């Protein structure tokens, strides 16, 4: 819901596209996503490969800075 209302110019958004909030989306967030999160967390936990867990964009930004990386710029310019 946050990206539909507040993040209209986010990276990956389609130029000219308009997100909207629908009952199906709210159902997916409230009913489907919690189960998926648990299932994916268990898969992640059992995976025996080198991995890093970044739980927020703030953590991702910290990691980028620590590794001397830059985030990609917006893929589209809203001034067009």
Protein backbone atom coordinates (compact mmCIF):
# COMPACT_ATOMS: atom_id res chain seq x y z
CA UNK A 1 0.00 0.00 0.00
CA UNK A 2 2.88 2.33 0.81
CA UNK A 3 4.25 2.22 -2.71
CA UNK A 4 0.79 2.78 -4.22
CA UNK A 5 0.27 5.91 -2.17
CA UNK A 6 3.71 7.33 -1.34
CA UNK A 7 6.30 5.81 -3.70
CA UNK A 8 4.91 6.62 -7.11
CA UNK A 9 8.38 7.35 -8.56
CA UNK A 10 10.11 4.28 -7.12
CA UNK A 11 12.77 2.33 -8.99
CA UNK A 12 11.10 -0.29 -11.14
CA UNK A 13 7.81 1.58 -11.52
CA UNK A 14 6.52 1.70 -15.06
CA UNK A 15 6.54 5.15 -16.61
CA UNK A 16 2.96 6.40 -16.76
CA UNK A 17 1.67 3.47 -14.73
CA UNK A 18 -0.69 4.11 -11.83
CA UNK A 19 -0.87 1.77 -8.87
CA UNK A 20 -4.18 1.45 -7.09
CA UNK A 21 -5.37 -0.28 -3.94
CA UNK A 22 -7.80 -3.14 -4.52
CA UNK A 23 -9.43 -5.72 -2.26
CA UNK A 24 -7.43 -8.53 -3.91
CA UNK A 25 -4.19 -6.75 -3.02
CA UNK A 26 -5.28 -6.22 0.60
CA UNK A 27 -6.27 -9.91 0.83
CA UNK A 28 -2.91 -10.96 -0.56
CA UNK A 29 -1.05 -8.76 1.96
CA UNK A 30 -3.14 -9.87 4.94
CA UNK A 31 -3.67 -13.56 4.15
CA UNK A 32 -1.15 -14.87 1.62
CA UNK A 33 2.03 -12.92 2.42
CA UNK A 34 2.41 -13.95 6.09
CA UNK A 35 2.43 -17.63 5.13
CA UNK A 36 4.88 -17.00 2.31
CA UNK A 37 7.21 -15.11 4.62
CA UNK A 38 7.32 -18.03 7.03
CA UNK A 39 7.91 -20.54 4.25
CA UNK A 40 10.64 -18.45 2.58
CA UNK A 41 12.32 -17.75 5.93
CA UNK A 42 12.53 -21.48 6.57
CA UNK A 43 13.96 -22.13 3.09
CA UNK A 44 16.51 -19.35 3.68
CA UNK A 45 17.42 -20.77 7.09
CA UNK A 46 18.00 -24.25 5.66
CA UNK A 47 20.04 -23.04 2.69
CA UNK A 48 23.70 -23.97 3.20
CA UNK A 49 25.26 -21.33 0.97
CA UNK A 50 26.99 -18.06 1.84
CA UNK A 51 24.25 -15.50 2.31
CA UNK A 52 23.46 -12.12 3.77
CA UNK A 53 20.12 -11.03 5.19
CA UNK A 54 19.15 -7.37 4.80
CA UNK A 55 15.71 -6.78 6.26
CA UNK A 56 15.16 -3.18 5.21
CA UNK A 57 16.20 -0.58 2.67
CA UNK A 58 18.11 1.12 5.48
CA UNK A 59 20.14 -2.08 5.98
CA UNK A 60 20.66 -2.32 2.23
CA UNK A 61 21.91 1.28 2.10
CA UNK A 62 24.32 0.60 4.99
CA UNK A 63 25.65 -2.46 3.19
CA UNK A 64 26.12 -0.51 -0.06
CA UNK A 65 28.07 2.20 1.79
CA UNK A 66 30.21 -0.36 3.66
CA UNK A 67 31.08 -2.10 0.38
CA UNK A 68 31.69 1.20 -1.47
CA UNK A 69 28.78 0.62 -3.87
CA UNK A 70 26.26 3.09 -5.27
CA UNK A 71 22.54 2.52 -5.73
CA UNK A 72 21.29 2.65 -9.30
CA UNK A 73 19.55 5.91 -10.25
CA UNK A 74 15.84 6.00 -11.03
CA UNK A 75 15.09 4.09 -14.21
CA UNK A 76 12.78 6.78 -15.54
CA UNK A 77 12.60 10.54 -15.22
CA UNK A 78 9.23 11.95 -14.15
CA UNK A 79 9.86 15.24 -15.94
CA UNK A 80 9.02 13.63 -19.33
